[in-house]
Amino acid sequence: MKTKTFIIVCLLLGFGMNQLLAQNGKNVNGTITDDFLWDGYYVPVFSSNGELIDWLVGSVTVHQLYHFKDGVRFGKKSLLTGKL
């Protein structure tokens, strides 16, 4: 039992260290995702002549993709879904 526990702990530590070592701060390349719930989302609605008509209010789920090349963010895509 102790041997199995030791092997599992070493395996999990190996996965964790692999992820940490893969994230060098100098040459970050790839995409990072960010997901969250935006509760209390509101946007004003205007008429064609600029008068405030109403407010769209609701909860929105946000999924964002941040694209990096050599440690510099060069793009971002956002997808907002929900009911207003």
PDB file of N, CA and C in Angstrom:
ATOM      1  N   MET A   1       0.824  -1.195   0.000  1.00  0.00           N
ATOM      2  CA  MET A   1       0.000   0.000   0.000  1.00  0.00           C
ATOM      3  C   MET A   1       0.868   1.259   0.000  1.00  0.00           C
ATOM      4  N   LYS A   2       1.948   1.247   0.780  1.00  0.00           N
ATOM      5  CA  LYS A   2       2.822   2.404   0.839  1.00  0.00           C
ATOM      6  C   LYS A   2       3.514   2.626  -0.503  1.00  0.00           C
ATOM      7  N   THR A   3       3.862   1.553  -1.177  1.00  0.00           N
ATOM      8  CA  THR A   3       4.538   1.665  -2.470  1.00  0.00           C
ATOM      9  C   THR A   3       3.609   2.271  -3.511  1.00  0.00           C
ATOM     10  N   LYS A   4       2.372   1.832  -3.533  1.00  0.00           N
ATOM     11  CA  LYS A   4       1.401   2.375  -4.484  1.00  0.00           C
ATOM     12  C   LYS A   4       1.164   3.863  -4.222  1.00  0.00           C
ATOM     13  N   THR A   5       1.035   4.241  -2.955  1.00  0.00           N
ATOM     14  CA  THR A   5       0.833   5.646  -2.605  1.00  0.00           C
ATOM     15  C   THR A   5       2.033   6.479  -3.031  1.00  0.00           C
ATOM     16  N   PHE A   6       3.228   5.965  -2.788  1.00  0.00           N
ATOM     17  CA  PHE A   6       4.451   6.677  -3.169  1.00  0.00           C
ATOM     18  C   PHE A   6       4.514   6.869  -4.685  1.00  0.00           C
ATOM     19  N   ILE A   7       4.172   5.841  -5.437  1.00  0.00           N
ATOM     20  CA  ILE A   7       4.213   5.933  -6.902  1.00  0.00           C
ATOM     21  C   ILE A   7       3.186   6.946  -7.405  1.00  0.00           C
ATOM     22  N   ILE A   8       1.995   6.941  -6.831  1.00  0.00           N
ATOM     23  CA  ILE A   8       0.960   7.891  -7.254  1.00  0.00           C
ATOM     24  C   ILE A   8       1.376   9.322  -6.922  1.00  0.00           C
ATOM     25  N   VAL A   9       1.952   9.547  -5.735  1.00  0.00           N
ATOM     26  CA  VAL A   9       2.415  10.884  -5.357  1.00  0.00           C
ATOM     27  C   VAL A   9       3.507  11.355  -6.310  1.00  0.00           C
ATOM     28  N   CYS A  10       4.460  10.481  -6.632  1.00  0.00           N
ATOM     29  CA  CYS A  10       5.529  10.845  -7.568  1.00  0.00           C
ATOM     30  C   CYS A  10       4.973  11.158  -8.955  1.00  0.00           C
ATOM     31  N   LEU A  11       3.981  10.394  -9.386  1.00  0.00           N
ATOM     32  CA  LEU A  11       3.363  10.628 -10.690  1.00  0.00           C
ATOM     33  C   LEU A  11       2.670  11.988 -10.724  1.00  0.00           C
ATOM     34  N   LEU A  12       1.899  12.313  -9.689  1.00  0.00           N
ATOM     35  CA  LEU A  12       1.219  13.606  -9.640  1.00  0.00           C
ATOM     36  C   LEU A  12       2.213  14.761  -9.543  1.00  0.00           C
ATOM     37  N   LEU A  13       3.274  14.592  -8.755  1.00  0.00           N
ATOM     38  CA  LEU A  13       4.302  15.632  -8.685  1.00  0.00           C
ATOM     39  C   LEU A  13       4.987  15.816 -10.029  1.00  0.00           C
ATOM     40  N   GLY A  14       5.196  14.724 -10.739  1.00  0.00           N
ATOM     41  CA  GLY A  14       5.805  14.807 -12.065  1.00  0.00           C
ATOM     42  C   GLY A  14       4.943  15.592 -13.030  1.00  0.00           C
ATOM     43  N   PHE A  15       3.637  15.362 -13.000  1.00  0.00           N
ATOM     44  CA  PHE A  15       2.737  16.128 -13.865  1.00  0.00           C
ATOM     45  C   PHE A  15       2.761  17.605 -13.498  1.00  0.00           C
ATOM     46  N   GLY A  16       2.722  17.905 -12.200  1.00  0.00           N
ATOM     47  CA  GLY A  16       2.733  19.290 -11.758  1.00  0.00           C
ATOM     48  C   GLY A  16       4.019  20.009 -12.127  1.00  0.00           C
ATOM     49  N   MET A  17       5.163  19.362 -11.942  1.00  0.00           N
ATOM     50  CA  MET A  17       6.447  19.982 -12.279  1.00  0.00           C
ATOM     51  C   MET A  17       6.583  20.163 -13.786  1.00  0.00           C
ATOM     52  N   ASN A  18       6.043  19.227 -14.552  1.00  0.00           N
ATOM     53  CA  ASN A  18       6.089  19.340 -16.010  1.00  0.00           C
ATOM     54  C   ASN A  18       5.332  20.573 -16.473  1.00  0.00           C
ATOM     55  N   GLN A  19       4.172  20.844 -15.870  1.00  0.00           N
ATOM     56  CA  GLN A  19       3.396  22.024 -16.232  1.00  0.00           C
ATOM     57  C   GLN A  19       4.125  23.302 -15.833  1.00  0.00           C
ATOM     58  N   LEU A  20       4.759  23.312 -14.644  1.00  0.00           N
ATOM     59  CA  LEU A  20       5.471  24.504 -14.207  1.00  0.00           C
ATOM     60  C   LEU A  20       6.697  24.779 -15.066  1.00  0.00           C
ATOM     61  N   LEU A  21       7.425  23.746 -15.422  1.00  0.00           N
ATOM     62  CA  LEU A  21       8.625  23.936 -16.229  1.00  0.00           C
ATOM     63  C   LEU A  21       8.288  24.317 -17.670  1.00  0.00           C
ATOM     64  N   ALA A  22       7.101  23.944 -18.134  1.00  0.00           N
ATOM     65  CA  ALA A  22       6.710  24.269 -19.505  1.00  0.00           C
ATOM     66  C   ALA A  22       6.315  25.730 -19.641  1.00  0.00           C
ATOM     67  N   GLN A  23       6.069  26.409 -18.538  1.00  0.00           N
ATOM     68  CA  GLN A  23       5.614  27.801 -18.585  1.00  0.00           C
ATOM     69  C   GLN A  23       6.773  28.747 -18.286  1.00  0.00           C
ATOM     70  N   ASN A  24       7.711  28.847 -19.199  1.00  0.00           N
ATOM     71  CA  ASN A  24       8.780  29.825 -19.001  1.00  0.00           C
ATOM     72  C   ASN A  24       8.251  31.202 -19.369  1.00  0.00           C
ATOM     73  N   GLY A  25       8.596  32.218 -18.587  1.00  0.00           N
ATOM     74  CA  GLY A  25       8.039  33.542 -18.755  1.00  0.00           C
ATOM     75  C   GLY A  25       8.594  34.314 -19.938  1.00  0.00           C
ATOM     76  N   LYS A  26       9.701  33.870 -20.523  1.00  0.00           N
ATOM     77  CA  LYS A  26      10.339  34.647 -21.578  1.00  0.00           C
ATOM     78  C   LYS A  26       9.705  34.419 -22.944  1.00  0.00           C
ATOM     79  N   ASN A  27       9.435  33.189 -23.291  1.00  0.00           N
ATOM     80  CA  ASN A  27       8.948  32.868 -24.631  1.00  0.00           C
ATOM     81  C   ASN A  27       7.619  32.133 -24.569  1.00  0.00           C
ATOM     82  N   VAL A  28       6.621  32.791 -24.022  1.00  0.00           N
ATOM     83  CA  VAL A  28       5.307  32.172 -23.922  1.00  0.00           C
ATOM     84  C   VAL A  28       4.663  32.192 -25.300  1.00  0.00           C
ATOM     85  N   ASN A  29       4.319  31.031 -25.799  1.00  0.00           N
ATOM     86  CA  ASN A  29       3.641  30.900 -27.088  1.00  0.00           C
ATOM     87  C   ASN A  29       2.387  30.067 -26.884  1.00  0.00           C
ATOM     88  N   GLY A  30       1.336  30.397 -27.596  1.00  0.00           N
ATOM     89  CA  GLY A  30       0.121  29.609 -27.512  1.00  0.00           C
ATOM     90  C   GLY A  30      -1.078  30.439 -27.106  1.00  0.00           C
ATOM     91  N   THR A  31      -2.056  29.740 -26.522  1.00  0.00           N
ATOM     92  CA  THR A  31      -3.327  30.362 -26.178  1.00  0.00           C
ATOM     93  C   THR A  31      -3.695  30.028 -24.743  1.00  0.00           C
ATOM     94  N   ILE A  32      -4.196  31.011 -24.032  1.00  0.00           N
ATOM     95  CA  ILE A  32      -4.686  30.834 -22.670  1.00  0.00           C
ATOM     96  C   ILE A  32      -6.182  31.140 -22.681  1.00  0.00           C
ATOM     97  N   THR A  33      -6.961  30.313 -21.987  1.00  0.00           N
ATOM     98  CA  THR A  33      -8.408  30.530 -21.933  1.00  0.00           C
ATOM     99  C   THR A  33      -8.807  31.054 -20.562  1.00  0.00           C
ATOM    100  N   ASP A  34      -9.902  31.788 -20.544  1.00  0.00           N
ATOM    101  CA  ASP A  34     -10.455  32.341 -19.310  1.00  0.00           C
ATOM    102  C   ASP A  34     -11.974  32.248 -19.400  1.00  0.00           C
ATOM    103  N   ASP A  35     -12.600  31.583 -18.442  1.00  0.00           N
ATOM    104  CA  ASP A  35     -14.055  31.426 -18.414  1.00  0.00           C
ATOM    105  C   ASP A  35     -14.590  31.972 -17.098  1.00  0.00           C
ATOM    106  N   PHE A  36     -15.674  32.749 -17.178  1.00  0.00           N
ATOM    107  CA  PHE A  36     -16.300  33.248 -15.959  1.00  0.00           C
ATOM    108  C   PHE A  36     -17.734  33.658 -16.250  1.00  0.00           C
ATOM    109  N   LEU A  37     -18.513  33.823 -15.182  1.00  0.00           N
ATOM    110  CA  LEU A  37     -19.903  34.271 -15.274  1.00  0.00           C
ATOM    111  C   LEU A  37     -19.953  35.748 -14.919  1.00  0.00           C
ATOM    112  N   TRP A  38     -20.475  36.542 -15.825  1.00  0.00           N
ATOM    113  CA  TRP A  38     -20.605  37.984 -15.623  1.00  0.00           C
ATOM    114  C   TRP A  38     -22.049  38.250 -15.223  1.00  0.00           C
ATOM    115  N   ASP A  39     -22.284  38.292 -13.910  1.00  0.00           N
ATOM    116  CA  ASP A  39     -23.636  38.521 -13.398  1.00  0.00           C
ATOM    117  C   ASP A  39     -23.816  40.020 -13.202  1.00  0.00           C
ATOM    118  N   GLY A  40     -24.878  40.562 -13.738  1.00  0.00           N
ATOM    119  CA  GLY A  40     -25.103  41.997 -13.657  1.00  0.00           C
ATOM    120  C   GLY A  40     -24.651  42.720 -14.911  1.00  0.00           C
ATOM    121  N   TYR A  41     -24.653  42.024 -16.041  1.00  0.00           N
ATOM    122  CA  TYR A  41     -24.282  42.625 -17.323  1.00  0.00           C
ATOM    123  C   TYR A  41     -25.379  43.591 -17.744  1.00  0.00           C
ATOM    124  N   TYR A  42     -25.008  44.794 -18.175  1.00  0.00           N
ATOM    125  CA  TYR A  42     -26.011  45.743 -18.662  1.00  0.00           C
ATOM    126  C   TYR A  42     -25.414  46.607 -19.772  1.00  0.00           C
ATOM    127  N   VAL A  43     -26.229  46.869 -20.777  1.00  0.00           N
ATOM    128  CA  VAL A  43     -25.825  47.663 -21.942  1.00  0.00           C
ATOM    129  C   VAL A  43     -26.982  48.578 -22.308  1.00  0.00           C
ATOM    130  N   PRO A  44     -26.728  49.867 -22.556  1.00  0.00           N
ATOM    131  CA  PRO A  44     -27.809  50.768 -22.958  1.00  0.00           C
ATOM    132  C   PRO A  44     -28.213  50.514 -24.413  1.00  0.00           C
ATOM    133  N   VAL A  45     -29.513  50.729 -24.697  1.00  0.00           N
ATOM    134  CA  VAL A  45     -30.039  50.613 -26.061  1.00  0.00           C
ATOM    135  C   VAL A  45     -30.488  52.003 -26.493  1.00  0.00           C
ATOM    136  N   PHE A  46     -29.939  52.458 -27.620  1.00  0.00           N
ATOM    137  CA  PHE A  46     -30.251  53.792 -28.131  1.00  0.00           C
ATOM    138  C   PHE A  46     -31.044  53.708 -29.426  1.00  0.00           C
ATOM    139  N   SER A  47     -31.850  54.722 -29.690  1.00  0.00           N
ATOM    140  CA  SER A  47     -32.567  54.820 -30.962  1.00  0.00           C
ATOM    141  C   SER A  47     -31.615  55.392 -32.014  1.00  0.00           C
ATOM    142  N   SER A  48     -32.094  55.466 -33.259  1.00  0.00           N
ATOM    143  CA  SER A  48     -31.246  55.960 -34.345  1.00  0.00           C
ATOM    144  C   SER A  48     -30.894  57.448 -34.181  1.00  0.00           C
ATOM    145  N   ASN A  49     -31.710  58.197 -33.428  1.00  0.00           N
ATOM    146  CA  ASN A  49     -31.397  59.616 -33.207  1.00  0.00           C
ATOM    147  C   ASN A  49     -30.664  59.849 -31.883  1.00  0.00           C
ATOM    148  N   GLY A  50     -30.250  58.784 -31.196  1.00  0.00           N
ATOM    149  CA  GLY A  50     -29.413  58.904 -30.012  1.00  0.00           C
ATOM    150  C   GLY A  50     -30.131  58.948 -28.686  1.00  0.00           C
ATOM    151  N   GLU A  51     -31.435  58.714 -28.671  1.00  0.00           N
ATOM    152  CA  GLU A  51     -32.170  58.721 -27.409  1.00  0.00           C
ATOM    153  C   GLU A  51     -32.066  57.362 -26.725  1.00  0.00           C
ATOM    154  N   LEU A  52     -31.909  57.372 -25.403  1.00  0.00           N
ATOM    155  CA  LEU A  52     -31.858  56.141 -24.618  1.00  0.00           C
ATOM    156  C   LEU A  52     -33.248  55.513 -24.573  1.00  0.00           C
ATOM    157  N   ILE A  53     -33.342  54.267 -25.047  1.00  0.00           N
ATOM    158  CA  ILE A  53     -34.632  53.577 -25.073  1.00  0.00           C
ATOM    159  C   ILE A  53     -34.799  52.683 -23.848  1.00  0.00           C
ATOM    160  N   ASP A  54     -33.793  51.831 -23.598  1.00  0.00           N
ATOM    161  CA  ASP A  54     -33.910  50.850 -22.526  1.00  0.00           C
ATOM    162  C   ASP A  54     -32.519  50.327 -22.190  1.00  0.00           C
ATOM    163  N   TRP A  55     -32.464  49.430 -21.207  1.00  0.00           N
ATOM    164  CA  TRP A  55     -31.215  48.766 -20.830  1.00  0.00           C
ATOM    165  C   TRP A  55     -31.380  47.264 -21.001  1.00  0.00           C
ATOM    166  N   LEU A  56     -30.388  46.612 -21.616  1.00  0.00           N
ATOM    167  CA  LEU A  56     -30.344  45.150 -21.649  1.00  0.00           C
ATOM    168  C   LEU A  56     -29.616  44.708 -20.390  1.00  0.00           C
ATOM    169  N   VAL A  57     -30.281  43.882 -19.584  1.00  0.00           N
ATOM    170  CA  VAL A  57     -29.728  43.456 -18.300  1.00  0.00           C
ATOM    171  C   VAL A  57     -29.841  41.943 -18.197  1.00  0.00           C
ATOM    172  N   GLY A  58     -28.806  41.294 -17.624  1.00  0.00           N
ATOM    173  CA  GLY A  58     -28.864  39.853 -17.428  1.00  0.00           C
ATOM    174  C   GLY A  58     -27.538  39.275 -17.001  1.00  0.00           C
ATOM    175  N   SER A  59     -27.451  37.946 -17.014  1.00  0.00           N
ATOM    176  CA  SER A  59     -26.221  37.223 -16.694  1.00  0.00           C
ATOM    177  C   SER A  59     -25.629  36.668 -17.978  1.00  0.00           C
ATOM    178  N   VAL A  60     -24.325  36.779 -18.110  1.00  0.00           N
ATOM    179  CA  VAL A  60     -23.648  36.370 -19.329  1.00  0.00           C
ATOM    180  C   VAL A  60     -22.462  35.474 -18.960  1.00  0.00           C
ATOM    181  N   THR A  61     -22.302  34.376 -19.688  1.00  0.00           N
ATOM    182  CA  THR A  61     -21.128  33.516 -19.555  1.00  0.00           C
ATOM    183  C   THR A  61     -20.092  33.984 -20.565  1.00  0.00           C
ATOM    184  N   VAL A  62     -18.871  34.236 -20.095  1.00  0.00           N
ATOM    185  CA  VAL A  62     -17.809  34.777 -20.946  1.00  0.00           C
ATOM    186  C   VAL A  62     -16.727  33.714 -21.127  1.00  0.00           C
ATOM    187  N   HIS A  63     -16.338  33.476 -22.372  1.00  0.00           N
ATOM    188  CA  HIS A  63     -15.218  32.593 -22.716  1.00  0.00           C
ATOM    189  C   HIS A  63     -14.240  33.432 -23.531  1.00  0.00           C
ATOM    190  N   GLN A  64     -13.001  33.596 -23.014  1.00  0.00           N
ATOM    191  CA  GLN A  64     -12.014  34.432 -23.691  1.00  0.00           C
ATOM    192  C   GLN A  64     -10.788  33.613 -24.058  1.00  0.00           C
ATOM    193  N   LEU A  65     -10.218  33.903 -25.210  1.00  0.00           N
ATOM    194  CA  LEU A  65      -8.981  33.284 -25.675  1.00  0.00           C
ATOM    195  C   LEU A  65      -7.940  34.383 -25.842  1.00  0.00           C
ATOM    196  N   TYR A  66      -6.814  34.237 -25.157  1.00  0.00           N
ATOM    197  CA  TYR A  66      -5.705  35.180 -25.284  1.00  0.00           C
ATOM    198  C   TYR A  66      -4.595  34.472 -26.056  1.00  0.00           C
ATOM    199  N   HIS A  67      -4.140  35.065 -27.164  1.00  0.00           N
ATOM    200  CA  HIS A  67      -3.099  34.475 -27.997  1.00  0.00           C
ATOM    201  C   HIS A  67      -1.767  35.174 -27.738  1.00  0.00           C
ATOM    202  N   PHE A  68      -0.709  34.365 -27.507  1.00  0.00           N
ATOM    203  CA  PHE A  68       0.621  34.895 -27.204  1.00  0.00           C
ATOM    204  C   PHE A  68       1.648  34.409 -28.217  1.00  0.00           C
ATOM    205  N   LYS A  69       2.599  35.256 -28.525  1.00  0.00           N
ATOM    206  CA  LYS A  69       3.748  34.914 -29.371  1.00  0.00           C
ATOM    207  C   LYS A  69       4.977  35.577 -28.761  1.00  0.00           C
ATOM    208  N   ASP A  70       5.956  34.807 -28.358  1.00  0.00           N
ATOM    209  CA  ASP A  70       7.183  35.290 -27.725  1.00  0.00           C
ATOM    210  C   ASP A  70       6.899  36.166 -26.509  1.00  0.00           C
ATOM    211  N   GLY A  71       5.917  35.768 -25.706  1.00  0.00           N
ATOM    212  CA  GLY A  71       5.604  36.487 -24.485  1.00  0.00           C
ATOM    213  C   GLY A  71       4.762  37.731 -24.652  1.00  0.00           C
ATOM    214  N   VAL A  72       4.348  38.054 -25.878  1.00  0.00           N
ATOM    215  CA  VAL A  72       3.563  39.260 -26.143  1.00  0.00           C
ATOM    216  C   VAL A  72       2.173  38.845 -26.619  1.00  0.00           C
ATOM    217  N   ARG A  73       1.140  39.421 -25.986  1.00  0.00           N
ATOM    218  CA  ARG A  73      -0.227  39.119 -26.418  1.00  0.00           C
ATOM    219  C   ARG A  73      -0.505  39.841 -27.727  1.00  0.00           C
ATOM    220  N   PHE A  74      -0.889  39.087 -28.756  1.00  0.00           N
ATOM    221  CA  PHE A  74      -1.170  39.700 -30.044  1.00  0.00           C
ATOM    222  C   PHE A  74      -2.622  39.548 -30.467  1.00  0.00           C
ATOM    223  N   GLY A  75      -3.427  38.885 -29.670  1.00  0.00           N
ATOM    224  CA  GLY A  75      -4.827  38.749 -30.048  1.00  0.00           C
ATOM    225  C   GLY A  75      -5.676  38.275 -28.891  1.00  0.00           C
ATOM    226  N   LYS A  76      -6.953  38.603 -28.971  1.00  0.00           N
ATOM    227  CA  LYS A  76      -7.912  38.183 -27.960  1.00  0.00           C
ATOM    228  C   LYS A  76      -9.257  37.990 -28.635  1.00  0.00           C
ATOM    229  N   LYS A  77      -9.907  36.872 -28.314  1.00  0.00           N
ATOM    230  CA  LYS A  77     -11.255  36.618 -28.818  1.00  0.00           C
ATOM    231  C   LYS A  77     -12.156  36.384 -27.620  1.00  0.00           C
ATOM    232  N   SER A  78     -13.335  36.977 -27.659  1.00  0.00           N
ATOM    233  CA  SER A  78     -14.298  36.822 -26.564  1.00  0.00           C
ATOM    234  C   SER A  78     -15.602  36.304 -27.120  1.00  0.00           C
ATOM    235  N   LEU A  79     -16.206  35.351 -26.403  1.00  0.00           N
ATOM    236  CA  LEU A  79     -17.511  34.820 -26.757  1.00  0.00           C
ATOM    237  C   LEU A  79     -18.407  34.985 -25.542  1.00  0.00           C
ATOM    238  N   LEU A  80     -19.463  35.768 -25.690  1.00  0.00           N
ATOM    239  CA  LEU A  80     -20.411  36.005 -24.610  1.00  0.00           C
ATOM    240  C   LEU A  80     -21.726  35.339 -24.958  1.00  0.00           C
ATOM    241  N   THR A  81     -22.247  34.525 -24.038  1.00  0.00           N
ATOM    242  CA  THR A  81     -23.524  33.852 -24.260  1.00  0.00           C
ATOM    243  C   THR A  81     -24.384  34.030 -23.010  1.00  0.00           C
ATOM    244  N   GLY A  82     -25.678  34.106 -23.208  1.00  0.00           N
ATOM    245  CA  GLY A  82     -26.594  34.236 -22.095  1.00  0.00           C
ATOM    246  C   GLY A  82     -27.928  34.795 -22.521  1.00  0.00           C
ATOM    247  N   LYS A  83     -28.739  35.138 -21.553  1.00  0.00           N
ATOM    248  CA  LYS A  83     -30.062  35.718 -21.809  1.00  0.00           C
ATOM    249  C   LYS A  83     -30.110  37.099 -21.194  1.00  0.00           C
ATOM    250  N   LEU A  84     -30.645  38.038 -21.958  1.00  0.00           N
ATOM    251  CA  LEU A  84     -30.769  39.421 -21.478  1.00  0.00           C
ATOM    252  C   LEU A  84     -32.219  39.804 -21.393  1.00  0.00           C
TER     253      LEU A  84
END
